[in-house]
Amino acid sequence: MFLEFYGLKEQPFGVTPDPRFICPSRTHSKAFNSLLRGLEAACGFLALIIPNRVWAKPHWYSNS
């Protein structure tokens, strides 16, 4: 259905995410970097909480 309608060459929606279809934006980069900082700090628990506003800055929290 999607292939013909949108003129795609392969299925964009699989069972698992395909990194070839990632369209990074500034917001995605900020969120990714927030999670990466938490992983590098060896936090035991990470949660990315983003208010229901597009312009909101993501915050990361840890249990340490």
N, C-alpha and C. Protein backbone atom coordinates (compact mmCIF):
# COMPACT_ATOMS: atom_id res chain seq x y z
N MET A 1 0.82 -1.19 0.00
CA MET A 1 0.00 0.00 0.00
C MET A 1 0.87 1.26 0.00
N PHE A 2 1.81 1.36 0.95
CA PHE A 2 2.67 2.54 1.03
C PHE A 2 3.60 2.63 -0.17
N LEU A 3 4.08 1.50 -0.61
CA LEU A 3 5.06 1.49 -1.69
C LEU A 3 4.52 2.15 -2.95
N GLU A 4 3.36 1.75 -3.38
CA GLU A 4 2.80 2.30 -4.61
C GLU A 4 2.32 3.74 -4.41
N PHE A 5 1.61 3.99 -3.32
CA PHE A 5 1.02 5.30 -3.10
C PHE A 5 2.09 6.40 -3.00
N TYR A 6 3.17 6.12 -2.25
CA TYR A 6 4.22 7.12 -2.05
C TYR A 6 5.42 6.92 -2.97
N GLY A 7 5.38 5.91 -3.81
CA GLY A 7 6.49 5.67 -4.73
C GLY A 7 7.75 5.20 -4.05
N LEU A 8 7.60 4.41 -2.98
CA LEU A 8 8.76 3.92 -2.23
C LEU A 8 9.31 2.65 -2.86
N LYS A 9 10.59 2.40 -2.62
CA LYS A 9 11.24 1.21 -3.17
C LYS A 9 11.22 0.04 -2.20
N GLU A 10 11.06 0.32 -0.89
CA GLU A 10 11.00 -0.75 0.10
C GLU A 10 10.13 -0.32 1.28
N GLN A 11 9.72 -1.29 2.09
CA GLN A 11 8.83 -1.03 3.22
C GLN A 11 9.51 -0.12 4.25
N PRO A 12 8.90 1.00 4.61
CA PRO A 12 9.49 1.89 5.61
C PRO A 12 9.17 1.48 7.04
N PHE A 13 8.16 0.65 7.25
CA PHE A 13 7.72 0.29 8.59
C PHE A 13 7.88 -1.20 8.81
N GLY A 14 8.93 -1.57 9.53
CA GLY A 14 9.19 -2.97 9.82
C GLY A 14 8.90 -3.28 11.28
N VAL A 15 9.22 -4.49 11.68
CA VAL A 15 9.02 -4.91 13.07
C VAL A 15 9.99 -4.18 13.99
N THR A 16 11.20 -3.95 13.51
CA THR A 16 12.20 -3.22 14.28
C THR A 16 12.60 -1.97 13.51
N PRO A 17 13.06 -0.93 14.22
CA PRO A 17 13.47 0.29 13.53
C PRO A 17 14.67 0.05 12.61
N ASP A 18 14.67 0.69 11.47
CA ASP A 18 15.77 0.58 10.53
C ASP A 18 16.51 1.92 10.53
N PRO A 19 17.76 1.95 10.99
CA PRO A 19 18.49 3.22 11.08
C PRO A 19 18.68 3.92 9.74
N ARG A 20 18.48 3.23 8.65
CA ARG A 20 18.60 3.88 7.34
C ARG A 20 17.47 4.88 7.11
N PHE A 21 16.39 4.74 7.83
CA PHE A 21 15.24 5.62 7.63
C PHE A 21 15.16 6.73 8.67
N ILE A 22 16.17 6.89 9.48
CA ILE A 22 16.16 7.94 10.50
C ILE A 22 16.36 9.30 9.82
N CYS A 23 15.54 10.24 10.23
CA CYS A 23 15.65 11.60 9.72
C CYS A 23 15.97 12.50 10.92
N PRO A 24 17.26 12.63 11.25
CA PRO A 24 17.62 13.37 12.46
C PRO A 24 17.29 14.86 12.35
N SER A 25 16.79 15.39 13.43
CA SER A 25 16.52 16.82 13.50
C SER A 25 17.27 17.36 14.72
N ARG A 26 17.23 18.64 14.90
CA ARG A 26 17.89 19.24 16.06
C ARG A 26 17.29 18.70 17.35
N THR A 27 15.98 18.53 17.38
CA THR A 27 15.32 18.01 18.58
C THR A 27 15.75 16.58 18.86
N HIS A 28 15.82 15.74 17.82
CA HIS A 28 16.26 14.37 18.01
C HIS A 28 17.70 14.33 18.53
N SER A 29 18.55 15.18 17.99
CA SER A 29 19.96 15.22 18.41
C SER A 29 20.08 15.61 19.87
N LYS A 30 19.30 16.58 20.31
CA LYS A 30 19.34 17.00 21.71
C LYS A 30 18.90 15.87 22.63
N ALA A 31 17.84 15.19 22.26
CA ALA A 31 17.35 14.08 23.08
C ALA A 31 18.37 12.95 23.12
N PHE A 32 18.95 12.61 21.96
CA PHE A 32 19.95 11.56 21.90
C PHE A 32 21.16 11.91 22.76
N ASN A 33 21.63 13.15 22.66
CA ASN A 33 22.78 13.57 23.45
C ASN A 33 22.49 13.54 24.94
N SER A 34 21.26 13.87 25.34
CA SER A 34 20.88 13.78 26.75
C SER A 34 20.97 12.35 27.25
N LEU A 35 20.45 11.42 26.47
CA LEU A 35 20.54 10.01 26.85
C LEU A 35 21.98 9.52 26.85
N LEU A 36 22.76 9.95 25.89
CA LEU A 36 24.16 9.54 25.81
C LEU A 36 24.94 10.01 27.03
N ARG A 37 24.69 11.24 27.49
CA ARG A 37 25.35 11.73 28.71
C ARG A 37 25.02 10.85 29.90
N GLY A 38 23.78 10.43 30.01
CA GLY A 38 23.38 9.56 31.11
C GLY A 38 24.05 8.20 31.02
N LEU A 39 24.17 7.66 29.82
CA LEU A 39 24.85 6.37 29.65
C LEU A 39 26.33 6.48 29.97
N GLU A 40 26.95 7.55 29.53
CA GLU A 40 28.38 7.74 29.80
C GLU A 40 28.64 7.94 31.28
N ALA A 41 27.67 8.49 32.01
CA ALA A 41 27.82 8.69 33.45
C ALA A 41 27.47 7.42 34.22
N ALA A 42 27.16 6.34 33.52
CA ALA A 42 26.83 5.04 34.11
C ALA A 42 25.68 5.14 35.10
N CYS A 43 24.66 5.89 34.72
CA CYS A 43 23.46 5.98 35.55
C CYS A 43 22.72 4.65 35.51
N GLY A 44 22.17 4.26 36.64
CA GLY A 44 21.46 2.99 36.69
C GLY A 44 20.10 3.05 36.02
N PHE A 45 19.48 4.21 35.98
CA PHE A 45 18.15 4.36 35.40
C PHE A 45 18.09 5.68 34.66
N LEU A 46 17.60 5.64 33.44
CA LEU A 46 17.44 6.86 32.65
C LEU A 46 16.00 6.97 32.17
N ALA A 47 15.49 8.17 32.17
CA ALA A 47 14.17 8.42 31.60
C ALA A 47 14.23 9.74 30.85
N LEU A 48 13.81 9.73 29.63
CA LEU A 48 13.76 10.94 28.83
C LEU A 48 12.33 11.46 28.90
N ILE A 49 12.16 12.59 29.54
CA ILE A 49 10.82 13.15 29.76
C ILE A 49 10.70 14.44 28.97
N ILE A 50 9.73 14.47 28.07
CA ILE A 50 9.54 15.65 27.24
C ILE A 50 8.10 16.11 27.38
N PRO A 51 7.88 17.33 27.85
CA PRO A 51 6.52 17.85 27.93
C PRO A 51 5.86 17.88 26.56
N ASN A 52 4.57 17.98 26.55
CA ASN A 52 3.82 17.93 25.30
C ASN A 52 3.90 19.27 24.56
N ARG A 53 5.13 19.72 24.33
CA ARG A 53 5.37 20.93 23.55
C ARG A 53 6.55 20.64 22.62
N VAL A 54 6.43 21.00 21.40
CA VAL A 54 7.48 20.72 20.41
C VAL A 54 8.78 21.42 20.77
N TRP A 55 8.70 22.62 21.32
CA TRP A 55 9.89 23.42 21.60
C TRP A 55 10.51 23.11 22.96
N ALA A 56 9.94 22.19 23.70
CA ALA A 56 10.43 21.89 25.05
C ALA A 56 11.81 21.24 25.01
N LYS A 57 12.62 21.59 25.98
CA LYS A 57 13.95 21.00 26.09
C LYS A 57 13.85 19.68 26.84
N PRO A 58 14.41 18.59 26.27
CA PRO A 58 14.36 17.30 26.98
C PRO A 58 15.24 17.33 28.22
N HIS A 59 14.82 16.63 29.24
CA HIS A 59 15.58 16.53 30.49
C HIS A 59 15.85 15.07 30.76
N TRP A 60 17.02 14.75 31.28
CA TRP A 60 17.28 13.36 31.66
C TRP A 60 17.48 13.30 33.15
N TYR A 61 17.00 12.24 33.72
CA TYR A 61 17.06 12.03 35.16
C TYR A 61 17.72 10.69 35.43
N SER A 62 18.40 10.61 36.54
CA SER A 62 19.03 9.34 36.91
C SER A 62 18.76 9.07 38.38
N ASN A 63 19.04 7.85 38.79
CA ASN A 63 18.83 7.50 40.19
C ASN A 63 20.11 7.63 40.99
N SER A 64 21.14 8.23 40.41
CA SER A 64 22.40 8.38 41.17
C SER A 64 22.63 9.82 41.56
